[in-house]
Amino acid sequence: MIRITSKADGFRRCGVAHPSTATDHPDKAFTAKQLQLLQEEPMLMVQVLPDESSQGSQSGSGKNYLMNSSDTQAKIKAAATLEEVEELAKDDDRKGVMDAAEKRRKELQPAE
């Protein structure tokens, strides 16, 4: 399943108006190229979630990973607050994401 949330309600990409609330799409709703474009779009948060029917008891783990690390890194670099950085980096252990979050935290720290 593909879950998409837009930063601006009705933002259009790949022929779809994406709402600002999380919206689920079947895995085959977009071609591989369209999915890549959606993941690279900074106005969209795209999550590829496991199929609940094949995950069994694991479906309730609560962890939703963004598929594209560079997309997450770009959103962290654009974050305006430390809280936003923390939310974007939460539960993500990929090195590039952790490095981007640490760098942005230092940039956002008040000067002493």
N, C-alpha and C. Protein backbone atom coordinates (compact mmCIF):
# COMPACT_ATOMS: atom_id res chain seq x y z
N MET A 1 0.84 -1.16 0.00
CA MET A 1 0.00 0.00 0.00
C MET A 1 0.90 1.24 0.00
N ILE A 2 0.47 2.27 -0.71
CA ILE A 2 1.20 3.52 -0.78
C ILE A 2 0.37 4.58 -0.08
N ARG A 3 0.95 5.24 0.92
CA ARG A 3 0.25 6.30 1.67
C ARG A 3 0.89 7.63 1.32
N ILE A 4 0.06 8.56 0.85
CA ILE A 4 0.56 9.87 0.43
C ILE A 4 -0.15 10.97 1.21
N THR A 5 0.63 11.91 1.71
CA THR A 5 0.12 13.08 2.41
C THR A 5 0.75 14.31 1.76
N SER A 6 -0.07 15.27 1.37
CA SER A 6 0.42 16.49 0.74
C SER A 6 0.59 17.59 1.77
N LYS A 7 1.60 18.44 1.58
CA LYS A 7 1.78 19.60 2.44
C LYS A 7 0.74 20.67 2.14
N ALA A 8 0.21 20.67 0.91
CA ALA A 8 -0.83 21.62 0.50
C ALA A 8 -2.01 20.83 -0.04
N ASP A 9 -3.18 21.01 0.55
CA ASP A 9 -4.37 20.27 0.15
C ASP A 9 -4.65 20.48 -1.34
N GLY A 10 -4.80 19.38 -2.07
CA GLY A 10 -5.12 19.44 -3.49
C GLY A 10 -3.91 19.56 -4.41
N PHE A 11 -2.70 19.50 -3.86
CA PHE A 11 -1.49 19.56 -4.69
C PHE A 11 -1.52 18.42 -5.70
N ARG A 12 -1.28 18.74 -6.96
CA ARG A 12 -1.40 17.74 -8.02
C ARG A 12 -0.03 17.22 -8.46
N ARG A 13 0.04 15.90 -8.60
CA ARG A 13 1.23 15.25 -9.16
C ARG A 13 0.79 13.91 -9.69
N CYS A 14 1.28 13.55 -10.87
CA CYS A 14 0.98 12.27 -11.52
C CYS A 14 -0.52 12.11 -11.78
N GLY A 15 -1.18 13.20 -12.11
CA GLY A 15 -2.59 13.14 -12.47
C GLY A 15 -3.54 12.98 -11.30
N VAL A 16 -3.05 13.20 -10.08
CA VAL A 16 -3.88 13.02 -8.90
C VAL A 16 -3.78 14.27 -8.02
N ALA A 17 -4.92 14.74 -7.52
CA ALA A 17 -4.94 15.82 -6.53
C ALA A 17 -4.78 15.16 -5.16
N HIS A 18 -3.68 15.44 -4.48
CA HIS A 18 -3.37 14.79 -3.22
C HIS A 18 -3.87 15.65 -2.05
N PRO A 19 -4.68 15.09 -1.17
CA PRO A 19 -5.16 15.85 -0.02
C PRO A 19 -4.09 15.98 1.06
N SER A 20 -4.33 16.89 1.99
CA SER A 20 -3.38 17.10 3.09
C SER A 20 -3.55 16.06 4.19
N THR A 21 -4.52 15.18 4.05
CA THR A 21 -4.67 14.06 4.97
C THR A 21 -4.10 12.81 4.32
N ALA A 22 -3.58 11.91 5.11
CA ALA A 22 -2.99 10.68 4.57
C ALA A 22 -4.03 9.91 3.78
N THR A 23 -3.65 9.54 2.56
CA THR A 23 -4.54 8.80 1.67
C THR A 23 -3.82 7.55 1.18
N ASP A 24 -4.48 6.41 1.29
CA ASP A 24 -3.89 5.14 0.89
C ASP A 24 -4.26 4.79 -0.54
N HIS A 25 -3.27 4.27 -1.29
CA HIS A 25 -3.45 3.83 -2.67
C HIS A 25 -2.93 2.40 -2.77
N PRO A 26 -3.53 1.58 -3.64
CA PRO A 26 -3.00 0.22 -3.82
C PRO A 26 -1.60 0.26 -4.43
N ASP A 27 -0.83 -0.78 -4.21
CA ASP A 27 0.55 -0.84 -4.71
C ASP A 27 0.66 -0.56 -6.20
N LYS A 28 -0.30 -0.99 -6.97
CA LYS A 28 -0.24 -0.86 -8.43
C LYS A 28 -0.90 0.42 -8.94
N ALA A 29 -1.22 1.37 -8.06
CA ALA A 29 -1.89 2.60 -8.48
C ALA A 29 -0.99 3.49 -9.33
N PHE A 30 0.33 3.37 -9.14
CA PHE A 30 1.29 4.19 -9.86
C PHE A 30 2.36 3.30 -10.49
N THR A 31 2.87 3.73 -11.64
CA THR A 31 3.99 3.01 -12.25
C THR A 31 5.23 3.25 -11.40
N ALA A 32 6.28 2.50 -11.66
CA ALA A 32 7.53 2.68 -10.93
C ALA A 32 8.07 4.10 -11.12
N LYS A 33 7.99 4.62 -12.33
CA LYS A 33 8.46 5.98 -12.61
C LYS A 33 7.61 7.01 -11.86
N GLN A 34 6.29 6.83 -11.86
CA GLN A 34 5.42 7.75 -11.13
C GLN A 34 5.72 7.71 -9.63
N LEU A 35 5.92 6.52 -9.09
CA LEU A 35 6.22 6.39 -7.68
C LEU A 35 7.53 7.12 -7.35
N GLN A 36 8.51 7.00 -8.22
CA GLN A 36 9.77 7.71 -8.03
C GLN A 36 9.55 9.22 -8.03
N LEU A 37 8.75 9.73 -8.98
CA LEU A 37 8.45 11.16 -9.04
C LEU A 37 7.74 11.63 -7.78
N LEU A 38 6.80 10.83 -7.30
CA LEU A 38 6.07 11.18 -6.09
C LEU A 38 7.02 11.23 -4.88
N GLN A 39 7.91 10.27 -4.79
CA GLN A 39 8.85 10.21 -3.67
C GLN A 39 9.84 11.38 -3.70
N GLU A 40 10.17 11.86 -4.87
CA GLU A 40 11.13 12.96 -5.00
C GLU A 40 10.47 14.33 -4.84
N GLU A 41 9.14 14.38 -4.82
CA GLU A 41 8.41 15.64 -4.71
C GLU A 41 8.43 16.14 -3.27
N PRO A 42 9.05 17.30 -3.01
CA PRO A 42 9.14 17.80 -1.63
C PRO A 42 7.79 18.18 -1.02
N MET A 43 6.77 18.37 -1.83
CA MET A 43 5.45 18.73 -1.31
C MET A 43 4.68 17.51 -0.81
N LEU A 44 5.22 16.32 -1.05
CA LEU A 44 4.51 15.10 -0.68
C LEU A 44 5.32 14.25 0.28
N MET A 45 4.63 13.62 1.21
CA MET A 45 5.22 12.60 2.09
C MET A 45 4.69 11.27 1.56
N VAL A 46 5.58 10.43 1.07
CA VAL A 46 5.18 9.16 0.47
C VAL A 46 5.73 8.02 1.31
N GLN A 47 4.84 7.15 1.73
CA GLN A 47 5.24 5.98 2.51
C GLN A 47 4.78 4.73 1.75
N VAL A 48 5.67 3.76 1.67
CA VAL A 48 5.30 2.46 1.11
C VAL A 48 5.18 1.52 2.30
N LEU A 49 3.95 1.08 2.54
CA LEU A 49 3.65 0.28 3.71
C LEU A 49 3.50 -1.18 3.34
N PRO A 50 3.83 -2.08 4.25
CA PRO A 50 3.66 -3.50 3.97
C PRO A 50 2.18 -3.85 3.82
N ASP A 51 1.93 -4.84 3.01
CA ASP A 51 0.56 -5.34 2.83
C ASP A 51 0.15 -6.03 4.12
N GLU A 52 -0.89 -5.51 4.77
CA GLU A 52 -1.31 -6.05 6.08
C GLU A 52 -1.68 -7.52 6.01
N SER A 53 -2.23 -7.96 4.89
CA SER A 53 -2.65 -9.36 4.81
C SER A 53 -1.46 -10.31 4.81
N SER A 54 -0.29 -9.85 4.33
CA SER A 54 0.88 -10.73 4.31
C SER A 54 1.78 -10.52 5.52
N GLN A 55 1.52 -9.49 6.33
CA GLN A 55 2.37 -9.20 7.47
C GLN A 55 1.91 -9.86 8.76
N GLY A 56 0.66 -10.24 8.83
CA GLY A 56 0.15 -10.89 10.04
C GLY A 56 0.30 -10.00 11.25
N SER A 57 0.92 -10.52 12.30
CA SER A 57 1.04 -9.78 13.55
C SER A 57 2.00 -8.61 13.46
N GLN A 58 2.83 -8.56 12.45
CA GLN A 58 3.77 -7.46 12.33
C GLN A 58 3.11 -6.17 11.89
N SER A 59 1.87 -6.22 11.40
CA SER A 59 1.22 -5.02 10.88
C SER A 59 1.00 -3.97 11.95
N GLY A 60 1.02 -4.31 13.21
CA GLY A 60 0.79 -3.34 14.27
C GLY A 60 2.06 -2.78 14.87
N SER A 61 3.18 -2.92 14.21
CA SER A 61 4.44 -2.48 14.78
C SER A 61 4.53 -0.97 14.93
N GLY A 62 3.75 -0.21 14.13
CA GLY A 62 3.75 1.23 14.25
C GLY A 62 4.86 1.92 13.50
N LYS A 63 5.76 1.20 12.87
CA LYS A 63 6.85 1.84 12.15
C LYS A 63 6.50 1.94 10.67
N ASN A 64 6.52 3.17 10.18
CA ASN A 64 6.30 3.43 8.76
C ASN A 64 7.57 4.08 8.23
N TYR A 65 8.26 3.42 7.34
CA TYR A 65 9.50 3.95 6.81
C TYR A 65 9.26 4.60 5.47
N LEU A 66 9.85 5.76 5.29
CA LEU A 66 9.83 6.38 3.97
C LEU A 66 10.73 5.55 3.09
N MET A 67 10.31 5.30 1.88
CA MET A 67 11.07 4.43 1.01
C MET A 67 12.36 5.09 0.52
N ASN A 68 12.33 6.40 0.32
CA ASN A 68 13.44 7.08 -0.31
C ASN A 68 14.21 7.91 0.72
N SER A 69 15.43 7.51 1.03
CA SER A 69 16.24 8.21 2.01
C SER A 69 16.56 9.63 1.58
N SER A 70 16.83 9.86 0.30
CA SER A 70 17.17 11.20 -0.16
C SER A 70 15.98 12.15 -0.01
N ASP A 71 14.77 11.65 -0.15
CA ASP A 71 13.57 12.45 0.05
C ASP A 71 13.49 12.90 1.51
N THR A 72 13.73 11.99 2.43
CA THR A 72 13.70 12.31 3.85
C THR A 72 14.80 13.30 4.19
N GLN A 73 15.99 13.11 3.63
CA GLN A 73 17.10 14.02 3.89
C GLN A 73 16.76 15.43 3.40
N ALA A 74 16.15 15.55 2.24
CA ALA A 74 15.77 16.87 1.71
C ALA A 74 14.76 17.55 2.62
N LYS A 75 13.81 16.80 3.13
CA LYS A 75 12.80 17.37 4.03
C LYS A 75 13.43 17.81 5.35
N ILE A 76 14.41 17.05 5.83
CA ILE A 76 15.12 17.43 7.05
C ILE A 76 15.89 18.72 6.82
N LYS A 77 16.57 18.83 5.68
CA LYS A 77 17.34 20.05 5.38
C LYS A 77 16.45 21.27 5.30
N ALA A 78 15.19 21.09 4.91
CA ALA A 78 14.26 22.21 4.77
C ALA A 78 13.46 22.46 6.05
N ALA A 79 13.62 21.63 7.05
CA ALA A 79 12.85 21.77 8.29
C ALA A 79 13.13 23.11 8.96
N ALA A 80 12.08 23.73 9.47
CA ALA A 80 12.19 25.05 10.09
C ALA A 80 12.39 24.99 11.60
N THR A 81 12.06 23.85 12.21
CA THR A 81 12.17 23.74 13.67
C THR A 81 12.83 22.43 14.07
N LEU A 82 13.36 22.41 15.28
CA LEU A 82 13.94 21.17 15.80
C LEU A 82 12.88 20.08 15.92
N GLU A 83 11.65 20.47 16.28
CA GLU A 83 10.57 19.50 16.41
C GLU A 83 10.29 18.82 15.07
N GLU A 84 10.33 19.60 14.00
CA GLU A 84 10.10 19.04 12.67
C GLU A 84 11.21 18.06 12.30
N VAL A 85 12.44 18.41 12.62
CA VAL A 85 13.57 17.51 12.37
C VAL A 85 13.38 16.20 13.12
N GLU A 86 13.01 16.30 14.39
CA GLU A 86 12.82 15.10 15.20
C GLU A 86 11.72 14.21 14.65
N GLU A 87 10.63 14.82 14.21
CA GLU A 87 9.51 14.03 13.67
C GLU A 87 9.92 13.32 12.38
N LEU A 88 10.65 14.01 11.52
CA LEU A 88 11.08 13.41 10.26
C LEU A 88 12.09 12.28 10.48
N ALA A 89 12.95 12.42 11.48
CA ALA A 89 14.01 11.43 11.70
C ALA A 89 13.58 10.32 12.66
N LYS A 90 12.41 10.46 13.27
CA LYS A 90 11.95 9.48 14.26
C LYS A 90 11.89 8.07 13.67
N ASP A 91 12.43 7.12 14.38
CA ASP A 91 12.41 5.70 14.01
C ASP A 91 13.11 5.40 12.69
N ASP A 92 14.00 6.28 12.26
CA ASP A 92 14.71 6.07 11.00
C ASP A 92 16.19 5.91 11.32
N ASP A 93 16.75 4.73 11.04
CA ASP A 93 18.14 4.47 11.41
C ASP A 93 19.09 4.46 10.21
N ARG A 94 18.65 4.99 9.07
CA ARG A 94 19.53 5.05 7.91
C ARG A 94 20.60 6.13 8.13
N LYS A 95 21.84 5.81 7.80
CA LYS A 95 22.97 6.70 8.08
C LYS A 95 22.78 8.07 7.46
N GLY A 96 22.39 8.15 6.21
CA GLY A 96 22.22 9.45 5.55
C GLY A 96 21.18 10.31 6.24
N VAL A 97 20.09 9.69 6.69
CA VAL A 97 19.03 10.42 7.39
C VAL A 97 19.55 10.89 8.75
N MET A 98 20.24 10.01 9.47
CA MET A 98 20.78 10.40 10.78
C MET A 98 21.78 11.53 10.65
N ASP A 99 22.65 11.47 9.64
CA ASP A 99 23.64 12.52 9.42
C ASP A 99 22.98 13.85 9.08
N ALA A 100 21.96 13.82 8.20
CA ALA A 100 21.25 15.04 7.83
C ALA A 100 20.54 15.64 9.04
N ALA A 101 19.93 14.79 9.87
CA ALA A 101 19.23 15.28 11.06
C ALA A 101 20.21 15.92 12.04
N GLU A 102 21.35 15.30 12.24
CA GLU A 102 22.34 15.85 13.16
C GLU A 102 22.85 17.20 12.67
N LYS A 103 23.13 17.30 11.38
CA LYS A 103 23.59 18.57 10.81
C LYS A 103 22.53 19.65 10.96
N ARG A 104 21.27 19.32 10.68
CA ARG A 104 20.20 20.33 10.76
C ARG A 104 19.94 20.74 12.21
N ARG A 105 20.07 19.79 13.14
CA ARG A 105 19.91 20.13 14.56
C ARG A 105 20.93 21.19 14.96
N LYS A 106 22.19 21.00 14.54
CA LYS A 106 23.25 21.97 14.86
C LYS A 106 22.95 23.34 14.25
N GLU A 107 22.41 23.34 13.01
CA GLU A 107 22.09 24.61 12.36
C GLU A 107 20.96 25.34 13.07
N LEU A 108 20.01 24.58 13.62
CA LEU A 108 18.84 25.19 14.27
C LEU A 108 19.04 25.51 15.74
N GLN A 109 20.14 25.04 16.33
CA GLN A 109 20.40 25.32 17.74
C GLN A 109 20.61 26.83 17.92
N PRO A 110 20.00 27.40 18.96
CA PRO A 110 20.22 28.84 19.21
C PRO A 110 21.69 29.12 19.54
N ALA A 111 22.18 30.24 19.03
CA ALA A 111 23.56 30.61 19.29
C ALA A 111 23.72 30.95 20.76
N GLU A 112 24.82 30.51 21.36
CA GLU A 112 25.06 30.77 22.79
C GLU A 112 26.16 31.76 22.98
